[in-house]
C-alpha atoms as a PDB file:
ATOM      1  CA  MET A   1       0.000   0.000   0.000  1.00  0.00           C
ATOM      2  CA  SER A   2       3.017   2.274   0.076  1.00  0.00           C
ATOM      3  CA  LYS A   3       2.848   4.926  -2.610  1.00  0.00           C
ATOM      4  CA  ASP A   4       5.984   6.492  -4.030  1.00  0.00           C
ATOM      5  CA  LEU A   5       5.353  10.123  -3.115  1.00  0.00           C
ATOM      6  CA  THR A   6       8.423  11.399  -4.924  1.00  0.00           C
ATOM      7  CA  ARG A   7       6.949  10.778  -8.386  1.00  0.00           C
ATOM      8  CA  ASP A   8       3.617  12.552  -8.102  1.00  0.00           C
ATOM      9  CA  VAL A   9       3.172  16.305  -8.358  1.00  0.00           C
ATOM     10  CA  PHE A  10       0.185  17.857  -6.654  1.00  0.00           C
ATOM     11  CA  GLU A  11      -1.022  21.355  -7.417  1.00  0.00           C
ATOM     12  CA  SER A  12      -3.354  22.902  -4.866  1.00  0.00           C
ATOM     13  CA  GLN A  13      -6.375  24.641  -6.309  1.00  0.00           C
ATOM     14  CA  VAL A  14      -6.561  26.941  -3.283  1.00  0.00           C
ATOM     15  CA  PRO A  15      -5.312  30.367  -4.389  1.00  0.00           C
ATOM     16  CA  PHE A  16      -2.406  31.851  -2.436  1.00  0.00           C
ATOM     17  CA  ASP A  17      -3.357  34.912  -0.382  1.00  0.00           C
ATOM     18  CA  HIS A  18      -0.505  37.333   0.339  1.00  0.00           C
ATOM     19  CA  GLY A  19      -2.317  39.085   3.192  1.00  0.00           C
ATOM     20  CA  ARG A  20      -1.400  38.385   6.794  1.00  0.00           C
ATOM     21  CA  ILE A  21      -3.937  38.376   9.603  1.00  0.00           C
ATOM     22  CA  HIS A  22      -1.320  38.861  12.350  1.00  0.00           C
ATOM     23  CA  ALA A  23      -2.432  35.895  14.449  1.00  0.00           C
ATOM     24  CA  ALA A  24      -0.883  32.590  15.481  1.00  0.00           C
ATOM     25  CA  ALA A  25      -2.018  29.492  17.322  1.00  0.00           C
ATOM     26  CA  VAL A  26       0.067  27.242  19.539  1.00  0.00           C
ATOM     27  CA  TYR A  27      -1.435  23.799  19.939  1.00  0.00           C
ATOM     28  CA  CYS A  28      -0.649  20.107  20.181  1.00  0.00           C
ATOM     29  CA  SER A  29       0.479  18.342  17.033  1.00  0.00           C
ATOM     30  CA  ASP A  30      -2.008  15.492  17.611  1.00  0.00           C
ATOM     31  CA  GLY A  31      -3.384  15.135  14.076  1.00  0.00           C
ATOM     32  CA  ARG A  32      -6.730  13.846  15.317  1.00  0.00           C
ATOM     33  CA  PHE A  33      -7.560  17.428  16.357  1.00  0.00           C
ATOM     34  CA  GLY A  34      -6.048  19.277  13.377  1.00  0.00           C
ATOM     35  CA  GLU A  35      -9.188  19.822  11.339  1.00  0.00           C
ATOM     36  CA  GLN A  36     -11.157  20.853  14.417  1.00  0.00           C
ATOM     37  CA  PHE A  37      -8.453  23.363  15.392  1.00  0.00           C
ATOM     38  CA  ASP A  38      -8.576  24.866  11.888  1.00  0.00           C
ATOM     39  CA  ASP A  39     -12.387  24.950  11.942  1.00  0.00           C
ATOM     40  CA  PHE A  40     -12.394  26.688  15.330  1.00  0.00           C
ATOM     41  CA  MET A  41      -9.799  29.265  14.302  1.00  0.00           C
ATOM     42  CA  ARG A  42     -11.551  30.048  11.016  1.00  0.00           C
ATOM     43  CA  HIS A  43     -15.186  29.986  12.004  1.00  0.00           C
ATOM     44  CA  SER A  44     -15.320  30.801  15.707  1.00  0.00           C
ATOM     45  CA  LEU A  45     -12.422  33.246  16.022  1.00  0.00           C
ATOM     46  CA  ASN A  46     -12.560  34.454  12.400  1.00  0.00           C
ATOM     47  CA  LEU A  47      -8.813  33.925  12.000  1.00  0.00           C
ATOM     48  CA  PRO A  48      -8.158  32.247   8.635  1.00  0.00           C
ATOM     49  CA  ARG A  49      -4.576  31.693   7.437  1.00  0.00           C
ATOM     50  CA  TYR A  50      -3.175  31.977  10.955  1.00  0.00           C
ATOM     51  CA  ASP A  51       0.439  31.059  11.679  1.00  0.00           C
ATOM     52  CA  ARG A  52       0.760  27.650  13.361  1.00  0.00           C
ATOM     53  CA  LEU A  53       3.078  26.285  16.026  1.00  0.00           C
ATOM     54  CA  ALA A  54       1.961  22.671  16.319  1.00  0.00           C
ATOM     55  CA  ILE A  55       4.157  20.770  18.750  1.00  0.00           C
ATOM     56  CA  PRO A  56       3.601  17.811  21.080  1.00  0.00           C
ATOM     57  CA  GLY A  57       1.818  19.131  24.161  1.00  0.00           C
ATOM     58  CA  GLY A  58       1.156  22.532  22.606  1.00  0.00           C
ATOM     59  CA  ALA A  59       2.036  25.341  24.996  1.00  0.00           C
ATOM     60  CA  ALA A  60       2.957  22.872  27.778  1.00  0.00           C
ATOM     61  CA  CYS A  61       6.646  23.524  27.232  1.00  0.00           C
ATOM     62  CA  MET A  62       6.123  27.226  27.909  1.00  0.00           C
ATOM     63  CA  ALA A  63       4.704  26.508  31.379  1.00  0.00           C
ATOM     64  CA  ARG A  64       8.077  26.374  33.119  1.00  0.00           C
ATOM     65  CA  HIS A  65       8.431  22.614  33.536  1.00  0.00           C
ATOM     66  CA  PHE A  66      12.095  22.062  34.396  1.00  0.00           C
ATOM     67  CA  SER A  67      12.347  19.026  32.122  1.00  0.00           C
ATOM     68  CA  LEU A  68      11.166  21.116  29.159  1.00  0.00           C
ATOM     69  CA  TYR A  69      13.354  24.207  29.467  1.00  0.00           C
ATOM     70  CA  ARG A  70      15.102  23.575  26.131  1.00  0.00           C
ATOM     71  CA  GLU A  71      11.785  23.197  24.329  1.00  0.00           C
ATOM     72  CA  ALA A  72      10.524  26.355  26.030  1.00  0.00           C
ATOM     73  CA  ASP A  73      13.471  28.359  24.716  1.00  0.00           C
ATOM     74  CA  THR A  74      13.033  26.954  21.222  1.00  0.00           C
ATOM     75  CA  VAL A  75       9.286  27.601  21.057  1.00  0.00           C
ATOM     76  CA  SER A  76       9.735  31.080  22.531  1.00  0.00           C
ATOM     77  CA  ALA A  77      12.355  31.878  19.886  1.00  0.00           C
ATOM     78  CA  GLN A  78      10.077  30.625  17.099  1.00  0.00           C
ATOM     79  CA  LEU A  79       7.151  32.621  18.436  1.00  0.00           C
ATOM     80  CA  GLN A  80       9.340  35.715  18.830  1.00  0.00           C
ATOM     81  CA  PHE A  81      10.319  35.376  15.164  1.00  0.00           C
ATOM     82  CA  LEU A  82       6.650  35.316  14.145  1.00  0.00           C
ATOM     83  CA  ILE A  83       5.889  38.307  16.373  1.00  0.00           C
ATOM     84  CA  ASP A  84       8.743  40.309  14.872  1.00  0.00           C
ATOM     85  CA  VAL A  85       8.563  39.290  11.210  1.00  0.00           C
ATOM     86  CA  HIS A  86       4.849  38.535  10.744  1.00  0.00           C
ATOM     87  CA  GLY A  87       3.668  41.299  13.025  1.00  0.00           C
ATOM     88  CA  LEU A  88       1.597  39.106  15.319  1.00  0.00           C
ATOM     89  CA  GLN A  89      -1.009  40.851  17.423  1.00  0.00           C
ATOM     90  CA  HIS A  90      -3.019  37.842  18.633  1.00  0.00           C
ATOM     91  CA  VAL A  91      -1.819  34.457  19.918  1.00  0.00           C
ATOM     92  CA  VAL A  92      -4.241  31.619  20.661  1.00  0.00           C
ATOM     93  CA  LEU A  93      -3.192  28.747  22.936  1.00  0.00           C
ATOM     94  CA  ILE A  94      -5.189  25.516  22.728  1.00  0.00           C
ATOM     95  CA  ALA A  95      -4.888  22.481  25.002  1.00  0.00           C
ATOM     96  CA  HIS A  96      -6.855  19.302  24.384  1.00  0.00           C
ATOM     97  CA  GLN A  97      -8.418  16.579  26.465  1.00  0.00           C
ATOM     98  CA  ASN A  98      -6.341  13.458  27.242  1.00  0.00           C
ATOM     99  CA  CYS A  99      -3.114  14.832  25.783  1.00  0.00           C
ATOM    100  CA  ALA A 100      -0.571  11.992  25.632  1.00  0.00           C
ATOM    101  CA  PHE A 101       2.309  14.442  26.034  1.00  0.00           C
ATOM    102  CA  TYR A 102       1.202  15.040  29.613  1.00  0.00           C
ATOM    103  CA  SER A 103       0.746  11.392  30.486  1.00  0.00           C
ATOM    104  CA  HIS A 104       3.871  10.064  28.720  1.00  0.00           C
ATOM    105  CA  ARG A 105       6.414  12.891  28.759  1.00  0.00           C
ATOM    106  CA  LEU A 106       5.421  14.655  31.998  1.00  0.00           C
ATOM    107  CA  ASN A 107       4.043  11.557  33.780  1.00  0.00           C
ATOM    108  CA  ILE A 108       0.897  13.339  34.918  1.00  0.00           C
ATOM    109  CA  SER A 109      -1.822  11.003  36.168  1.00  0.00           C
ATOM    110  CA  SER A 110      -5.163  10.965  34.376  1.00  0.00           C
ATOM    111  CA  LEU A 111      -6.780  12.305  37.573  1.00  0.00           C
ATOM    112  CA  GLN A 112      -4.633  15.453  37.465  1.00  0.00           C
ATOM    113  CA  LEU A 113      -4.300  15.840  33.725  1.00  0.00           C
ATOM    114  CA  GLU A 114      -6.864  18.524  32.918  1.00  0.00           C
ATOM    115  CA  SER A 115      -6.078  20.518  36.048  1.00  0.00           C
ATOM    116  CA  GLN A 116      -2.374  20.519  35.146  1.00  0.00           C
ATOM    117  CA  GLN A 117      -3.145  21.532  31.569  1.00  0.00           C
ATOM    118  CA  ARG A 118      -5.244  24.474  32.722  1.00  0.00           C
ATOM    119  CA  ASP A 119      -2.514  25.589  35.152  1.00  0.00           C
ATOM    120  CA  ASP A 120       0.071  25.247  32.410  1.00  0.00           C
ATOM    121  CA  ILE A 121      -1.911  27.255  29.910  1.00  0.00           C
ATOM    122  CA  SER A 122      -2.098  30.128  32.418  1.00  0.00           C
ATOM    123  CA  ARG A 123       1.687  30.016  32.856  1.00  0.00           C
ATOM    124  CA  ALA A 124       2.157  29.815  29.101  1.00  0.00           C
ATOM    125  CA  VAL A 125       0.006  32.923  28.641  1.00  0.00           C
ATOM    126  CA  GLU A 126       2.414  34.821  30.918  1.00  0.00           C
ATOM    127  CA  ARG A 127       5.399  33.616  28.911  1.00  0.00           C
ATOM    128  CA  VAL A 128       3.804  34.602  25.589  1.00  0.00           C
ATOM    129  CA  GLN A 129       2.859  38.038  26.935  1.00  0.00           C
ATOM    130  CA  SER A 130       6.475  38.554  28.004  1.00  0.00           C
ATOM    131  CA  LEU A 131       7.432  38.275  24.323  1.00  0.00           C
ATOM    132  CA  GLY A 132       5.300  41.264  23.379  1.00  0.00           C
ATOM    133  CA  THR A 133       3.253  43.402  25.743  1.00  0.00           C
ATOM    134  CA  HIS A 134       0.994  44.415  22.829  1.00  0.00           C
ATOM    135  CA  LEU A 135      -0.136  40.831  22.239  1.00  0.00           C
ATOM    136  CA  GLN A 136      -3.697  39.725  22.816  1.00  0.00           C
ATOM    137  CA  VAL A 137      -3.421  36.170  24.166  1.00  0.00           C
ATOM    138  CA  THR A 138      -6.432  33.885  24.491  1.00  0.00           C
ATOM    139  CA  ALA A 139      -6.626  30.273  25.631  1.00  0.00           C
ATOM    140  CA  PHE A 140      -9.005  27.386  25.038  1.00  0.00           C
ATOM    141  CA  PHE A 141      -9.483  23.783  26.065  1.00  0.00           C
ATOM    142  CA  ALA A 142     -10.681  21.340  23.372  1.00  0.00           C
ATOM    143  CA  ARG A 143     -12.906  18.531  24.608  1.00  0.00           C
ATOM    144  CA  LYS A 144     -14.173  15.597  22.516  1.00  0.00           C
ATOM    145  CA  GLN A 145     -17.892  15.001  22.902  1.00  0.00           C
ATOM    146  CA  ARG A 146     -19.761  11.686  22.813  1.00  0.00           C
ATOM    147  CA  ASP A 147     -20.940  12.385  19.263  1.00  0.00           C
ATOM    148  CA  ASN A 148     -17.274  12.849  18.178  1.00  0.00           C
ATOM    149  CA  THR A 149     -17.565  16.601  17.838  1.00  0.00           C
ATOM    150  CA  VAL A 150     -15.038  18.803  19.626  1.00  0.00           C
ATOM    151  CA  GLN A 151     -16.047  21.721  21.827  1.00  0.00           C
ATOM    152  CA  PHE A 152     -13.709  24.597  22.626  1.00  0.00           C
ATOM    153  CA  GLU A 153     -14.062  26.089  26.093  1.00  0.00           C
ATOM    154  CA  PRO A 154     -12.416  29.409  26.958  1.00  0.00           C
ATOM    155  CA  VAL A 155      -9.773  29.093  29.662  1.00  0.00           C
ATOM    156  CA  PRO A 156      -9.832  32.086  32.023  1.00  0.00           C
ATOM    157  CA  ILE A 157      -6.465  33.809  32.173  1.00  0.00           C
END
């Protein structure tokens, strides 16, 4: 079933738009949530074509976990680049339910998982705001529903 991807050329029919909207999202790279994250950003927040920082655990590394200090510096540097070069004005942080990064990398128990994620997102907001005092930073928690939809709850900051 393996297809040789080096031989096929694909041309997207979506026209390229040169305009920037000056917004970015930092969220987990879990591909099961990717389309829902895009849908939320486009249709709920009205932020199409936003810059993306999709990394395991999302903004978890920016929450001052000692074991993640290298990742925190890297993500902060990448975000600073986008702030400076793309003129970001709005950064959206999204955590999601049952994130494996927390259970496997940070060894957080399932009983403490969501609480830790919400604490971390608050710390991450502080770190992002330290990169640019002009930034509007918002945070959300994505929760899968029984009907396989995903709801996005605002996280108070």
